[in-house]
N, C-alpha and C. Protein backbone atom coordinates (compact mmCIF):
# COMPACT_ATOMS: atom_id res chain seq x y z
N UNK A 1 -4.57 8.24 14.73
CA UNK A 1 -4.63 7.96 13.32
C UNK A 1 -3.29 7.40 12.86
N UNK A 2 -3.33 6.38 12.04
CA UNK A 2 -2.13 5.78 11.48
C UNK A 2 -1.94 6.26 10.05
N UNK A 3 -0.71 6.63 9.72
CA UNK A 3 -0.38 7.08 8.36
C UNK A 3 0.79 6.26 7.85
N UNK A 4 0.82 6.03 6.55
CA UNK A 4 1.99 5.35 6.00
C UNK A 4 3.19 6.30 5.99
N UNK A 5 4.37 5.74 6.15
CA UNK A 5 5.60 6.52 6.12
C UNK A 5 6.42 6.05 4.92
N UNK A 6 6.83 6.99 4.09
CA UNK A 6 7.62 6.66 2.92
C UNK A 6 8.93 7.43 2.97
N UNK A 7 9.95 6.84 2.37
CA UNK A 7 11.23 7.52 2.25
C UNK A 7 11.45 7.88 0.80
N UNK A 8 12.07 8.99 0.58
CA UNK A 8 12.39 9.42 -0.77
C UNK A 8 13.71 10.15 -0.78
N UNK A 9 14.29 10.28 -1.94
CA UNK A 9 15.59 10.94 -2.04
C UNK A 9 15.65 11.77 -3.31
N UNK A 10 16.45 12.81 -3.23
CA UNK A 10 16.79 13.58 -4.41
C UNK A 10 18.27 13.29 -4.66
N UNK A 11 18.54 12.69 -5.81
CA UNK A 11 19.88 12.27 -6.19
C UNK A 11 20.38 13.12 -7.35
N UNK A 12 21.66 12.97 -7.73
CA UNK A 12 22.12 13.66 -8.94
C UNK A 12 21.27 13.34 -10.17
N UNK A 13 20.58 12.23 -10.16
CA UNK A 13 19.68 11.89 -11.25
C UNK A 13 18.61 12.97 -11.42
N UNK A 14 18.28 13.68 -10.35
CA UNK A 14 17.26 14.73 -10.37
C UNK A 14 17.80 16.09 -10.83
N UNK A 15 19.08 16.15 -11.16
CA UNK A 15 19.64 17.38 -11.70
C UNK A 15 19.14 17.55 -13.13
N UNK A 16 19.12 18.78 -13.63
CA UNK A 16 18.59 19.00 -14.98
C UNK A 16 19.21 18.10 -16.05
N UNK A 17 20.49 17.77 -15.94
CA UNK A 17 21.14 16.91 -16.94
C UNK A 17 21.51 15.54 -16.38
N UNK A 18 20.89 15.15 -15.27
CA UNK A 18 21.09 13.82 -14.71
C UNK A 18 22.47 13.57 -14.12
N UNK A 19 22.76 12.28 -13.92
CA UNK A 19 24.00 11.86 -13.28
C UNK A 19 25.23 12.43 -13.96
N UNK A 20 25.20 12.52 -15.28
CA UNK A 20 26.37 12.99 -16.02
C UNK A 20 26.78 14.41 -15.70
N UNK A 21 25.87 15.18 -15.12
CA UNK A 21 26.20 16.56 -14.78
C UNK A 21 26.78 16.68 -13.37
N UNK A 22 26.81 15.58 -12.64
CA UNK A 22 27.33 15.61 -11.27
C UNK A 22 28.84 15.36 -11.30
N UNK A 23 29.56 16.38 -11.77
CA UNK A 23 31.01 16.31 -11.91
C UNK A 23 31.59 17.56 -11.26
N UNK A 24 32.62 17.35 -10.43
CA UNK A 24 33.29 18.47 -9.77
C UNK A 24 34.76 18.40 -10.16
N UNK A 25 35.18 19.16 -11.15
CA UNK A 25 36.58 19.11 -11.58
C UNK A 25 37.52 19.54 -10.45
N UNK A 26 38.78 19.11 -10.53
CA UNK A 26 39.76 19.54 -9.52
C UNK A 26 39.86 21.06 -9.46
N UNK A 27 40.09 21.55 -8.27
CA UNK A 27 40.29 22.98 -8.02
C UNK A 27 39.09 23.84 -8.39
N UNK A 28 37.90 23.29 -8.26
CA UNK A 28 36.69 24.07 -8.52
C UNK A 28 35.70 23.93 -7.37
N UNK A 29 34.89 24.97 -7.23
CA UNK A 29 33.73 24.95 -6.33
C UNK A 29 32.52 24.93 -7.26
N UNK A 30 31.61 24.00 -7.02
CA UNK A 30 30.48 23.86 -7.93
C UNK A 30 29.19 23.67 -7.13
N UNK A 31 28.12 24.32 -7.60
CA UNK A 31 26.82 24.23 -6.96
C UNK A 31 25.87 23.46 -7.86
N UNK A 32 25.08 22.58 -7.24
CA UNK A 32 24.10 21.76 -7.94
C UNK A 32 22.72 22.06 -7.39
N UNK A 33 21.71 22.06 -8.27
CA UNK A 33 20.34 22.35 -7.87
C UNK A 33 19.45 21.24 -8.41
N UNK A 34 19.02 20.35 -7.51
CA UNK A 34 18.11 19.28 -7.88
C UNK A 34 16.70 19.61 -7.43
N UNK A 35 15.71 19.10 -8.16
CA UNK A 35 14.32 19.36 -7.80
C UNK A 35 13.52 18.07 -7.85
N UNK A 36 12.41 18.09 -7.15
CA UNK A 36 11.48 16.96 -7.17
C UNK A 36 10.09 17.51 -7.02
N UNK A 37 9.20 17.16 -7.92
CA UNK A 37 7.80 17.59 -7.83
C UNK A 37 7.07 16.80 -6.75
N UNK A 38 6.13 17.44 -6.10
CA UNK A 38 5.33 16.82 -5.03
C UNK A 38 3.91 16.64 -5.56
N UNK A 39 3.55 15.40 -5.97
CA UNK A 39 2.25 15.19 -6.61
C UNK A 39 1.06 15.17 -5.65
N UNK A 40 1.33 14.94 -4.35
CA UNK A 40 0.24 14.90 -3.36
C UNK A 40 0.73 15.54 -2.08
N UNK A 41 -0.20 15.94 -1.22
CA UNK A 41 0.18 16.53 0.06
C UNK A 41 1.09 15.57 0.82
N UNK A 42 2.18 16.10 1.38
CA UNK A 42 3.07 15.29 2.21
C UNK A 42 3.39 16.05 3.48
N UNK A 43 3.84 15.33 4.49
CA UNK A 43 4.34 15.91 5.72
C UNK A 43 5.73 15.35 5.96
N UNK A 44 6.72 16.22 5.99
CA UNK A 44 8.10 15.78 6.19
C UNK A 44 8.39 15.62 7.67
N UNK A 45 9.00 14.50 8.02
CA UNK A 45 9.41 14.23 9.39
C UNK A 45 10.84 14.73 9.59
N UNK A 46 11.72 14.40 8.62
CA UNK A 46 13.11 14.81 8.69
C UNK A 46 13.73 14.78 7.31
N UNK A 47 14.95 15.29 7.23
CA UNK A 47 15.71 15.25 5.99
C UNK A 47 17.15 14.85 6.32
N UNK A 48 17.85 14.33 5.33
CA UNK A 48 19.20 13.81 5.51
C UNK A 48 20.17 14.40 4.49
N UNK A 49 20.69 15.60 4.68
CA UNK A 49 21.69 16.09 3.74
C UNK A 49 22.95 15.24 3.85
N UNK A 50 23.60 15.00 2.72
CA UNK A 50 24.72 14.06 2.69
C UNK A 50 25.69 14.48 1.58
N UNK A 51 26.94 14.76 1.92
CA UNK A 51 27.88 15.14 0.86
C UNK A 51 29.35 14.91 1.22
N UNK A 52 29.65 14.12 2.19
CA UNK A 52 31.02 13.73 2.52
C UNK A 52 31.94 14.93 2.73
N UNK A 53 33.20 14.77 2.37
CA UNK A 53 34.21 15.76 2.73
C UNK A 53 34.28 16.97 1.80
N UNK A 54 33.69 16.90 0.63
CA UNK A 54 33.73 18.03 -0.29
C UNK A 54 32.59 19.02 -0.08
N UNK A 55 31.66 18.68 0.77
CA UNK A 55 30.50 19.55 0.98
C UNK A 55 30.90 20.91 1.52
N UNK A 56 30.23 21.94 1.03
CA UNK A 56 30.48 23.31 1.48
C UNK A 56 29.21 23.94 2.07
N UNK A 57 28.06 23.71 1.43
CA UNK A 57 26.82 24.28 1.95
C UNK A 57 25.62 23.49 1.42
N UNK A 58 24.49 23.66 2.12
CA UNK A 58 23.23 23.01 1.76
C UNK A 58 22.09 23.98 1.96
N UNK A 59 21.12 23.90 1.07
CA UNK A 59 19.86 24.59 1.30
C UNK A 59 18.75 23.72 0.71
N UNK A 60 17.72 23.49 1.50
CA UNK A 60 16.58 22.70 1.05
C UNK A 60 15.32 23.48 1.41
N UNK A 61 14.45 23.64 0.40
CA UNK A 61 13.20 24.36 0.60
C UNK A 61 12.19 23.86 -0.42
N UNK A 62 10.95 24.26 -0.23
CA UNK A 62 9.89 23.93 -1.18
C UNK A 62 9.26 25.22 -1.67
N UNK A 63 8.83 25.20 -2.92
CA UNK A 63 8.03 26.31 -3.44
C UNK A 63 6.66 25.74 -3.77
N UNK A 64 5.62 26.45 -3.34
CA UNK A 64 4.26 25.98 -3.56
C UNK A 64 3.75 26.50 -4.91
N UNK A 65 2.60 26.00 -5.31
CA UNK A 65 1.99 26.47 -6.57
C UNK A 65 1.59 27.95 -6.48
N UNK A 66 1.48 28.49 -5.26
CA UNK A 66 1.18 29.92 -5.06
C UNK A 66 2.46 30.76 -4.94
N UNK A 67 3.61 30.12 -5.22
CA UNK A 67 4.93 30.77 -5.12
C UNK A 67 5.33 31.13 -3.70
N UNK A 68 4.74 30.48 -2.70
CA UNK A 68 5.21 30.63 -1.33
C UNK A 68 6.43 29.73 -1.16
N UNK A 69 7.34 30.12 -0.27
CA UNK A 69 8.52 29.32 0.01
C UNK A 69 8.41 28.72 1.40
N UNK A 70 8.66 27.42 1.50
CA UNK A 70 8.69 26.72 2.78
C UNK A 70 10.14 26.35 3.04
N UNK A 71 10.77 27.05 3.98
CA UNK A 71 12.17 26.82 4.30
C UNK A 71 12.30 25.54 5.13
N UNK A 72 13.27 24.71 4.78
CA UNK A 72 13.46 23.45 5.49
C UNK A 72 14.81 23.40 6.20
N UNK A 73 15.89 23.69 5.50
CA UNK A 73 17.21 23.68 6.14
C UNK A 73 18.16 24.55 5.34
N UNK A 74 19.07 25.20 6.05
CA UNK A 74 20.12 25.97 5.39
C UNK A 74 21.38 25.85 6.23
N UNK A 75 22.42 25.29 5.64
CA UNK A 75 23.70 25.12 6.31
C UNK A 75 24.74 25.82 5.44
N UNK A 76 25.33 26.89 5.95
CA UNK A 76 26.25 27.67 5.13
C UNK A 76 27.70 27.23 5.25
N UNK A 77 28.04 26.42 6.24
CA UNK A 77 29.42 25.96 6.43
C UNK A 77 29.37 24.49 6.81
N UNK A 78 29.20 23.63 5.81
CA UNK A 78 29.01 22.19 6.01
C UNK A 78 30.19 21.56 6.74
N UNK A 79 29.88 20.61 7.60
CA UNK A 79 30.88 19.82 8.31
C UNK A 79 30.55 18.35 8.07
N UNK A 80 31.53 17.55 7.72
CA UNK A 80 31.34 16.13 7.45
C UNK A 80 30.59 15.42 8.58
N UNK A 81 30.82 15.83 9.80
CA UNK A 81 30.21 15.16 10.96
C UNK A 81 28.73 15.47 11.12
N UNK A 82 28.18 16.32 10.27
CA UNK A 82 26.77 16.69 10.37
C UNK A 82 25.87 15.80 9.53
N UNK A 83 26.42 14.82 8.84
CA UNK A 83 25.59 13.95 8.02
C UNK A 83 24.70 13.12 8.94
N UNK A 84 23.46 13.07 8.60
CA UNK A 84 22.50 12.35 9.43
C UNK A 84 21.16 13.04 9.36
N UNK A 85 20.27 12.63 10.22
CA UNK A 85 18.90 13.14 10.18
C UNK A 85 18.79 14.50 10.85
N UNK A 86 18.09 15.38 10.19
CA UNK A 86 17.66 16.65 10.78
C UNK A 86 16.15 16.53 10.95
N UNK A 87 15.72 16.32 12.17
CA UNK A 87 14.31 16.08 12.47
C UNK A 87 13.65 17.40 12.86
N UNK A 88 12.50 17.65 12.27
CA UNK A 88 11.77 18.88 12.53
C UNK A 88 11.01 18.79 13.85
N UNK A 89 10.83 19.93 14.54
CA UNK A 89 10.05 19.96 15.78
C UNK A 89 8.60 19.57 15.52
N UNK A 90 8.09 20.00 14.37
CA UNK A 90 6.73 19.67 13.93
C UNK A 90 6.83 19.19 12.49
N UNK A 91 5.88 18.40 12.06
CA UNK A 91 5.85 17.98 10.67
C UNK A 91 5.84 19.20 9.76
N UNK A 92 6.58 19.13 8.67
CA UNK A 92 6.59 20.21 7.68
C UNK A 92 5.65 19.82 6.56
N UNK A 93 4.52 20.49 6.48
CA UNK A 93 3.51 20.15 5.47
C UNK A 93 3.87 20.81 4.14
N UNK A 94 3.93 19.97 3.11
CA UNK A 94 4.23 20.43 1.76
C UNK A 94 3.02 20.08 0.90
N UNK A 95 2.32 21.09 0.36
CA UNK A 95 1.10 20.79 -0.40
C UNK A 95 1.39 20.24 -1.80
N UNK A 96 0.43 19.47 -2.29
CA UNK A 96 0.50 18.95 -3.65
C UNK A 96 0.74 20.08 -4.63
N UNK A 97 1.51 19.82 -5.67
CA UNK A 97 1.82 20.83 -6.66
C UNK A 97 3.05 21.65 -6.33
N UNK A 98 3.66 21.38 -5.17
CA UNK A 98 4.89 22.08 -4.78
C UNK A 98 6.09 21.44 -5.47
N UNK A 99 7.21 22.13 -5.36
CA UNK A 99 8.48 21.59 -5.85
C UNK A 99 9.49 21.66 -4.71
N UNK A 100 10.14 20.53 -4.41
CA UNK A 100 11.24 20.52 -3.45
C UNK A 100 12.52 20.92 -4.19
N UNK A 101 13.31 21.76 -3.56
CA UNK A 101 14.58 22.22 -4.12
C UNK A 101 15.72 21.84 -3.17
N UNK A 102 16.76 21.25 -3.73
CA UNK A 102 17.96 20.95 -2.98
C UNK A 102 19.12 21.63 -3.69
N UNK A 103 19.81 22.51 -2.98
CA UNK A 103 20.95 23.23 -3.55
C UNK A 103 22.16 22.90 -2.67
N UNK A 104 23.14 22.23 -3.27
CA UNK A 104 24.33 21.83 -2.53
C UNK A 104 25.56 22.33 -3.26
N UNK A 105 26.50 22.88 -2.49
CA UNK A 105 27.75 23.35 -3.06
C UNK A 105 28.88 22.47 -2.54
N UNK A 106 29.76 22.11 -3.48
CA UNK A 106 30.91 21.26 -3.19
C UNK A 106 32.19 22.02 -3.51
N UNK A 107 33.22 21.80 -2.69
CA UNK A 107 34.51 22.48 -2.85
C UNK A 107 35.58 21.43 -3.10
N UNK A 108 36.08 21.38 -4.31
CA UNK A 108 37.10 20.40 -4.69
C UNK A 108 38.46 21.09 -4.91
N UNK A 109 38.72 22.13 -4.09
CA UNK A 109 39.98 22.84 -4.27
C UNK A 109 41.09 22.23 -3.45
């Protein structure tokens, strides 16, 4: 069976207050939580966390309409060299009506 493959991203635009809220003042550690609604069933092949040298941690998961949590990735001690694709062993099925959550912490100290 052939399926279409689409790419998508969660950017600071997806933060509750948009791009303007993506500010990390000097000498602060700040956490951002972006979300994206999933309007139809999807299967994730991989994800690409990206945050350069200020990155401290990442967590990406989905919550379903039944309040189940689908864990995707959790990195508690980010390293700049880890930017790139994290490919799943099996497709991660995310049902329609779910919400993808991206929580990233940055350290600007």
